[in-house]
C-alpha cells in the first residue's frame, strides 16, 4: 500500500510550528494584565494614604513601600 509522503511531510511541518494564541486569547490576556496593573495602582494609592501607625499594624513602613512595589513589576 502506498502512502502519501508529501501529505505526511506537511503534517510533520505543521506539528513542528509553534502554536500562537488566538486574537481573542491575546485580548483576554491584555485585559487581565491591565486589570492587574489597575488593582496594584489602587493598592499603592491606598498604602500611600495610610498613616504610619496603620502601616505599622500591617508590618510595613514607608521605607519598605517602594521596595515592595518594585517586586510586583
PDB file of N, CA and C in Angstrom:
ATOM      1  N   UNK A   1       0.851  -1.184   0.000  1.00  0.00           N
ATOM      2  CA  UNK A   1       0.000   0.000   0.000  1.00  0.00           C
ATOM      3  C   UNK A   1       0.887   1.235   0.000  1.00  0.00           C
ATOM      4  N   UNK A   2       0.575   2.186  -0.848  1.00  0.00           N
ATOM      5  CA  UNK A   2       1.345   3.411  -0.947  1.00  0.00           C
ATOM      6  C   UNK A   2       0.769   4.461  -0.002  1.00  0.00           C
ATOM      7  N   UNK A   3       1.662   5.216   0.597  1.00  0.00           N
ATOM      8  CA  UNK A   3       1.200   6.309   1.461  1.00  0.00           C
ATOM      9  C   UNK A   3       1.577   7.625   0.824  1.00  0.00           C
ATOM     10  N   UNK A   4       0.875   8.614   1.168  1.00  0.00           N
ATOM     11  CA  UNK A   4       1.136   9.947   0.641  1.00  0.00           C
ATOM     12  C   UNK A   4       2.192  10.612   1.504  1.00  0.00           C
ATOM     13  N   UNK A   5       3.461  10.467   1.121  1.00  0.00           N
ATOM     14  CA  UNK A   5       4.551  11.002   1.935  1.00  0.00           C
ATOM     15  C   UNK A   5       4.575  12.519   1.908  1.00  0.00           C
ATOM     16  N   UNK A   6       4.150  13.137   0.805  1.00  0.00           N
ATOM     17  CA  UNK A   6       4.108  14.603   0.751  1.00  0.00           C
ATOM     18  C   UNK A   6       3.125  15.128   1.790  1.00  0.00           C
ATOM     19  N   UNK A   7       1.976  14.521   1.883  1.00  0.00           N
ATOM     20  CA  UNK A   7       0.959  14.934   2.866  1.00  0.00           C
ATOM     21  C   UNK A   7       1.452  14.678   4.274  1.00  0.00           C
ATOM     22  N   UNK A   8       2.106  13.552   4.490  1.00  0.00           N
ATOM     23  CA  UNK A   8       2.662  13.244   5.808  1.00  0.00           C
ATOM     24  C   UNK A   8       3.740  14.245   6.186  1.00  0.00           C
ATOM     25  N   UNK A   9       4.540  14.669   5.205  1.00  0.00           N
ATOM     26  CA  UNK A   9       5.575  15.665   5.451  1.00  0.00           C
ATOM     27  C   UNK A   9       4.976  17.000   5.877  1.00  0.00           C
ATOM     28  N   UNK A  10       3.856  17.388   5.266  1.00  0.00           N
ATOM     29  CA  UNK A  10       3.185  18.631   5.644  1.00  0.00           C
ATOM     30  C   UNK A  10       2.650  18.560   7.071  1.00  0.00           C
ATOM     31  N   UNK A  11       2.153  17.388   7.449  1.00  0.00           N
ATOM     32  CA  UNK A  11       1.682  17.226   8.828  1.00  0.00           C
ATOM     33  C   UNK A  11       2.835  17.400   9.812  1.00  0.00           C
ATOM     34  N   UNK A  12       3.991  16.871   9.470  1.00  0.00           N
ATOM     35  CA  UNK A  12       5.156  16.983  10.341  1.00  0.00           C
ATOM     36  C   UNK A  12       5.572  18.442  10.498  1.00  0.00           C
ATOM     37  N   UNK A  13       5.567  19.179   9.392  1.00  0.00           N
ATOM     38  CA  UNK A  13       5.940  20.591   9.434  1.00  0.00           C
ATOM     39  C   UNK A  13       4.929  21.362  10.270  1.00  0.00           C
ATOM     40  N   UNK A  14       3.658  21.098  10.075  1.00  0.00           N
ATOM     41  CA  UNK A  14       2.611  21.797  10.830  1.00  0.00           C
ATOM     42  C   UNK A  14       2.730  21.509  12.318  1.00  0.00           C
ATOM     43  N   UNK A  15       3.086  20.303  12.679  1.00  0.00           N
ATOM     44  CA  UNK A  15       3.222  19.958  14.087  1.00  0.00           C
ATOM     45  C   UNK A  15       4.460  20.603  14.689  1.00  0.00           C
ATOM     46  N   UNK A  16       5.475  20.864  13.879  1.00  0.00           N
ATOM     47  CA  UNK A  16       6.714  21.449  14.378  1.00  0.00           C
ATOM     48  C   UNK A  16       6.591  22.959  14.569  1.00  0.00           C
ATOM     49  N   UNK A  17       5.638  23.596  13.888  1.00  0.00           N
ATOM     50  CA  UNK A  17       5.472  25.041  14.020  1.00  0.00           C
ATOM     51  C   UNK A  17       4.943  25.396  15.403  1.00  0.00           C
ATOM     52  N   UNK A  18       5.376  26.549  15.924  1.00  0.00           N
ATOM     53  CA  UNK A  18       4.853  26.946  17.232  1.00  0.00           C
ATOM     54  C   UNK A  18       3.374  27.298  17.131  1.00  0.00           C
ATOM     55  N   UNK A  19       2.688  27.078  18.206  1.00  0.00           N
ATOM     56  CA  UNK A  19       1.269  27.390  18.253  1.00  0.00           C
ATOM     57  C   UNK A  19       1.104  28.770  18.877  1.00  0.00           C
ATOM     58  N   UNK A  20       0.429  29.649  18.184  1.00  0.00           N
ATOM     59  CA  UNK A  20       0.224  31.002  18.665  1.00  0.00           C
ATOM     60  C   UNK A  20      -1.186  31.141  19.226  1.00  0.00           C
ATOM     61  N   UNK A  21      -1.338  31.997  20.252  1.00  0.00           N
ATOM     62  CA  UNK A  21      -2.684  32.191  20.794  1.00  0.00           C
ATOM     63  C   UNK A  21      -3.563  32.935  19.792  1.00  0.00           C
ATOM     64  N   UNK A  22      -4.849  32.702  19.896  1.00  0.00           N
ATOM     65  CA  UNK A  22      -5.784  33.384  19.007  1.00  0.00           C
ATOM     66  C   UNK A  22      -5.879  34.857  19.402  1.00  0.00           C
ATOM     67  N   UNK A  23      -6.368  35.705  18.515  1.00  0.00           N
ATOM     68  CA  UNK A  23      -6.530  37.125  18.855  1.00  0.00           C
ATOM     69  C   UNK A  23      -7.408  37.333  20.094  1.00  0.00           C
ATOM     70  N   UNK A  24      -8.407  36.492  20.266  1.00  0.00           N
ATOM     71  CA  UNK A  24      -9.275  36.604  21.443  1.00  0.00           C
ATOM     72  C   UNK A  24      -8.481  36.299  22.712  1.00  0.00           C
ATOM     73  N   UNK A  25      -7.619  35.289  22.655  1.00  0.00           N
ATOM     74  CA  UNK A  25      -6.788  34.960  23.812  1.00  0.00           C
ATOM     75  C   UNK A  25      -5.813  36.084  24.117  1.00  0.00           C
ATOM     76  N   UNK A  26      -5.259  36.696  23.089  1.00  0.00           N
ATOM     77  CA  UNK A  26      -4.325  37.810  23.291  1.00  0.00           C
ATOM     78  C   UNK A  26      -5.048  38.974  23.955  1.00  0.00           C
ATOM     79  N   UNK A  27      -6.231  39.301  23.471  1.00  0.00           N
ATOM     80  CA  UNK A  27      -7.003  40.400  24.061  1.00  0.00           C
ATOM     81  C   UNK A  27      -7.406  40.091  25.496  1.00  0.00           C
ATOM     82  N   UNK A  28      -7.759  38.847  25.774  1.00  0.00           N
ATOM     83  CA  UNK A  28      -8.125  38.463  27.138  1.00  0.00           C
ATOM     84  C   UNK A  28      -6.936  38.599  28.073  1.00  0.00           C
ATOM     85  N   UNK A  29      -5.760  38.185  27.626  1.00  0.00           N
ATOM     86  CA  UNK A  29      -4.552  38.318  28.447  1.00  0.00           C
ATOM     87  C   UNK A  29      -4.210  39.786  28.681  1.00  0.00           C
ATOM     88  N   UNK A  30      -4.357  40.593  27.644  1.00  0.00           N
ATOM     89  CA  UNK A  30      -4.087  42.021  27.767  1.00  0.00           C
ATOM     90  C   UNK A  30      -5.058  42.673  28.743  1.00  0.00           C
ATOM     91  N   UNK A  31      -6.333  42.333  28.647  1.00  0.00           N
ATOM     92  CA  UNK A  31      -7.334  42.872  29.574  1.00  0.00           C
ATOM     93  C   UNK A  31      -7.010  42.463  31.004  1.00  0.00           C
ATOM     94  N   UNK A  32      -6.587  41.225  31.198  1.00  0.00           N
ATOM     95  CA  UNK A  32      -6.220  40.748  32.522  1.00  0.00           C
ATOM     96  C   UNK A  32      -5.013  41.510  33.054  1.00  0.00           C
ATOM     97  N   UNK A  33      -4.017  41.716  32.208  1.00  0.00           N
ATOM     98  CA  UNK A  33      -2.823  42.446  32.612  1.00  0.00           C
ATOM     99  C   UNK A  33      -3.164  43.873  33.018  1.00  0.00           C
ATOM    100  N   UNK A  34      -4.008  44.528  32.248  1.00  0.00           N
ATOM    101  CA  UNK A  34      -4.416  45.891  32.583  1.00  0.00           C
ATOM    102  C   UNK A  34      -5.196  45.929  33.899  1.00  0.00           C
ATOM    103  N   UNK A  35      -6.030  44.931  34.135  1.00  0.00           N
ATOM    104  CA  UNK A  35      -6.781  44.863  35.393  1.00  0.00           C
ATOM    105  C   UNK A  35      -5.833  44.687  36.581  1.00  0.00           C
ATOM    106  N   UNK A  36      -4.797  43.869  36.414  1.00  0.00           N
ATOM    107  CA  UNK A  36      -3.810  43.669  37.487  1.00  0.00           C
ATOM    108  C   UNK A  36      -3.065  44.972  37.762  1.00  0.00           C
ATOM    109  N   UNK A  37      -2.649  45.656  36.704  1.00  0.00           N
ATOM    110  CA  UNK A  37      -1.943  46.933  36.879  1.00  0.00           C
ATOM    111  C   UNK A  37      -2.818  47.947  37.602  1.00  0.00           C
ATOM    112  N   UNK A  38      -4.104  47.997  37.211  1.00  0.00           N
ATOM    113  CA  UNK A  38      -5.028  48.941  37.845  1.00  0.00           C
ATOM    114  C   UNK A  38      -5.220  48.610  39.320  1.00  0.00           C
ATOM    115  N   UNK A  39      -5.384  47.323  39.632  1.00  0.00           N
ATOM    116  CA  UNK A  39      -5.551  46.908  41.029  1.00  0.00           C
ATOM    117  C   UNK A  39      -4.325  47.278  41.853  1.00  0.00           C
ATOM    118  N   UNK A  40      -3.140  47.024  41.309  1.00  0.00           N
ATOM    119  CA  UNK A  40      -1.913  47.344  42.043  1.00  0.00           C
ATOM    120  C   UNK A  40      -1.762  48.846  42.243  1.00  0.00           C
ATOM    121  N   UNK A  41      -2.177  49.635  41.259  1.00  0.00           N
ATOM    122  CA  UNK A  41      -2.112  51.096  41.403  1.00  0.00           C
ATOM    123  C   UNK A  41      -3.043  51.551  42.522  1.00  0.00           C
ATOM    124  N   UNK A  42      -4.235  50.952  42.595  1.00  0.00           N
ATOM    125  CA  UNK A  42      -5.168  51.292  43.684  1.00  0.00           C
ATOM    126  C   UNK A  42      -4.591  50.899  45.035  1.00  0.00           C
ATOM    127  N   UNK A  43      -3.943  49.728  45.089  1.00  0.00           N
ATOM    128  CA  UNK A  43      -3.338  49.276  46.348  1.00  0.00           C
ATOM    129  C   UNK A  43      -2.204  50.198  46.771  1.00  0.00           C
ATOM    130  N   UNK A  44      -1.367  50.613  45.818  1.00  0.00           N
ATOM    131  CA  UNK A  44      -0.277  51.540  46.145  1.00  0.00           C
ATOM    132  C   UNK A  44      -0.817  52.870  46.645  1.00  0.00           C
ATOM    133  N   UNK A  45      -1.890  53.345  46.011  1.00  0.00           N
ATOM    134  CA  UNK A  45      -2.504  54.608  46.437  1.00  0.00           C
ATOM    135  C   UNK A  45      -3.071  54.468  47.849  1.00  0.00           C
ATOM    136  N   UNK A  46      -3.739  53.350  48.122  1.00  0.00           N
ATOM    137  CA  UNK A  46      -4.305  53.127  49.465  1.00  0.00           C
ATOM    138  C   UNK A  46      -3.191  53.063  50.505  1.00  0.00           C
ATOM    139  N   UNK A  47      -2.090  52.405  50.184  1.00  0.00           N
ATOM    140  CA  UNK A  47      -0.965  52.337  51.123  1.00  0.00           C
ATOM    141  C   UNK A  47      -0.365  53.719  51.347  1.00  0.00           C
ATOM    142  N   UNK A  48      -0.276  54.515  50.288  1.00  0.00           N
ATOM    143  CA  UNK A  48       0.301  55.857  50.404  1.00  0.00           C
ATOM    144  C   UNK A  48      -0.560  56.758  51.285  1.00  0.00           C
ATOM    145  N   UNK A  49      -1.860  56.495  51.314  1.00  0.00           N
ATOM    146  CA  UNK A  49      -2.775  57.323  52.099  1.00  0.00           C
ATOM    147  C   UNK A  49      -2.866  56.880  53.565  1.00  0.00           C
ATOM    148  N   UNK A  50      -2.301  55.723  53.902  1.00  0.00           N
ATOM    149  CA  UNK A  50      -2.361  55.227  55.287  1.00  0.00           C
ATOM    150  C   UNK A  50      -1.370  55.966  56.173  1.00  0.00           C
ATOM    151  N   UNK A  51      -1.744  56.075  57.438  1.00  0.00           N
ATOM    152  CA  UNK A  51      -0.843  56.685  58.418  1.00  0.00           C
ATOM    153  C   UNK A  51       0.280  55.702  58.747  1.00  0.00           C
ATOM    154  N   UNK A  52       1.341  56.224  59.349  1.00  0.00           N
ATOM    155  CA  UNK A  52       2.456  55.359  59.759  1.00  0.00           C
ATOM    156  C   UNK A  52       1.984  54.299  60.744  1.00  0.00           C
ATOM    157  N   UNK A  53       1.041  54.660  61.615  1.00  0.00           N
ATOM    158  CA  UNK A  53       0.511  53.699  62.595  1.00  0.00           C
ATOM    159  C   UNK A  53      -0.214  52.547  61.881  1.00  0.00           C
ATOM    160  N   UNK A  54      -1.020  52.883  60.884  1.00  0.00           N
ATOM    161  CA  UNK A  54      -1.746  51.841  60.138  1.00  0.00           C
ATOM    162  C   UNK A  54      -0.774  50.939  59.381  1.00  0.00           C
ATOM    163  N   UNK A  55       0.247  51.538  58.782  1.00  0.00           N
ATOM    164  CA  UNK A  55       1.249  50.732  58.075  1.00  0.00           C
ATOM    165  C   UNK A  55       1.976  49.816  59.047  1.00  0.00           C
ATOM    166  N   UNK A  56       2.280  50.338  60.237  1.00  0.00           N
ATOM    167  CA  UNK A  56       2.944  49.527  61.259  1.00  0.00           C
ATOM    168  C   UNK A  56       2.078  48.335  61.660  1.00  0.00           C
ATOM    169  N   UNK A  57       0.770  48.540  61.734  1.00  0.00           N
ATOM    170  CA  UNK A  57      -0.146  47.432  62.041  1.00  0.00           C
ATOM    171  C   UNK A  57      -0.071  46.329  60.976  1.00  0.00           C
ATOM    172  N   UNK A  58       0.236  46.724  59.760  1.00  0.00           N
ATOM    173  CA  UNK A  58       0.366  45.745  58.669  1.00  0.00           C
ATOM    174  C   UNK A  58       1.754  45.118  58.615  1.00  0.00           C
ATOM    175  N   UNK A  59       2.666  45.663  59.421  1.00  0.00           N
ATOM    176  CA  UNK A  59       4.015  45.121  59.453  1.00  0.00           C
ATOM    177  C   UNK A  59       4.931  45.712  58.398  1.00  0.00           C
ATOM    178  N   UNK A  60       4.577  46.888  57.870  1.00  0.00           N
ATOM    179  CA  UNK A  60       5.427  47.551  56.888  1.00  0.00           C
ATOM    180  C   UNK A  60       5.643  48.999  57.304  1.00  0.00           C
ATOM    181  N   UNK A  61       6.632  49.636  56.702  1.00  0.00           N
ATOM    182  CA  UNK A  61       6.892  51.042  56.967  1.00  0.00           C
ATOM    183  C   UNK A  61       6.961  51.775  55.638  1.00  0.00           C
ATOM    184  N   UNK A  62       7.023  53.076  55.687  1.00  0.00           N
ATOM    185  CA  UNK A  62       7.128  53.868  54.453  1.00  0.00           C
ATOM    186  C   UNK A  62       8.401  53.523  53.695  1.00  0.00           C
ATOM    187  N   UNK A  63       9.449  53.164  54.402  1.00  0.00           N
ATOM    188  CA  UNK A  63      10.709  52.795  53.751  1.00  0.00           C
ATOM    189  C   UNK A  63      10.536  51.492  52.967  1.00  0.00           C
ATOM    190  N   UNK A  64       9.738  50.565  53.488  1.00  0.00           N
ATOM    191  CA  UNK A  64       9.510  49.281  52.816  1.00  0.00           C
ATOM    192  C   UNK A  64       8.666  49.433  51.553  1.00  0.00           C
ATOM    193  N   UNK A  65       7.828  50.429  51.489  1.00  0.00           N
ATOM    194  CA  UNK A  65       6.863  50.588  50.405  1.00  0.00           C
ATOM    195  C   UNK A  65       7.447  50.504  49.013  1.00  0.00           C
ATOM    196  N   UNK A  66       8.409  51.365  48.658  1.00  0.00           N
ATOM    197  CA  UNK A  66       8.922  51.328  47.280  1.00  0.00           C
ATOM    198  C   UNK A  66       9.556  49.989  46.906  1.00  0.00           C
ATOM    199  N   UNK A  67      10.220  49.339  47.825  1.00  0.00           N
ATOM    200  CA  UNK A  67      10.850  48.049  47.525  1.00  0.00           C
ATOM    201  C   UNK A  67       9.772  47.008  47.225  1.00  0.00           C
ATOM    202  N   UNK A  68       8.710  46.997  48.006  1.00  0.00           N
ATOM    203  CA  UNK A  68       7.632  46.036  47.770  1.00  0.00           C
ATOM    204  C   UNK A  68       6.930  46.314  46.450  1.00  0.00           C
ATOM    205  N   UNK A  69       6.763  47.568  46.098  1.00  0.00           N
ATOM    206  CA  UNK A  69       6.104  47.894  44.834  1.00  0.00           C
ATOM    207  C   UNK A  69       6.921  47.391  43.652  1.00  0.00           C
ATOM    208  N   UNK A  70       8.235  47.495  43.717  1.00  0.00           N
ATOM    209  CA  UNK A  70       9.076  47.041  42.609  1.00  0.00           C
ATOM    210  C   UNK A  70       9.037  45.534  42.451  1.00  0.00           C
ATOM    211  N   UNK A  71       8.765  44.802  43.517  1.00  0.00           N
ATOM    212  CA  UNK A  71       8.748  43.348  43.421  1.00  0.00           C
ATOM    213  C   UNK A  71       7.569  42.852  42.577  1.00  0.00           C
ATOM    214  N   UNK A  72       6.544  43.669  42.400  1.00  0.00           N
ATOM    215  CA  UNK A  72       5.375  43.257  41.609  1.00  0.00           C
ATOM    216  C   UNK A  72       5.553  43.541  40.121  1.00  0.00           C
ATOM    217  N   UNK A  73       6.530  44.339  39.765  1.00  0.00           N
ATOM    218  CA  UNK A  73       6.690  44.755  38.373  1.00  0.00           C
ATOM    219  C   UNK A  73       7.427  43.696  37.583  1.00  0.00           C
TER     220      UNK A  73
END
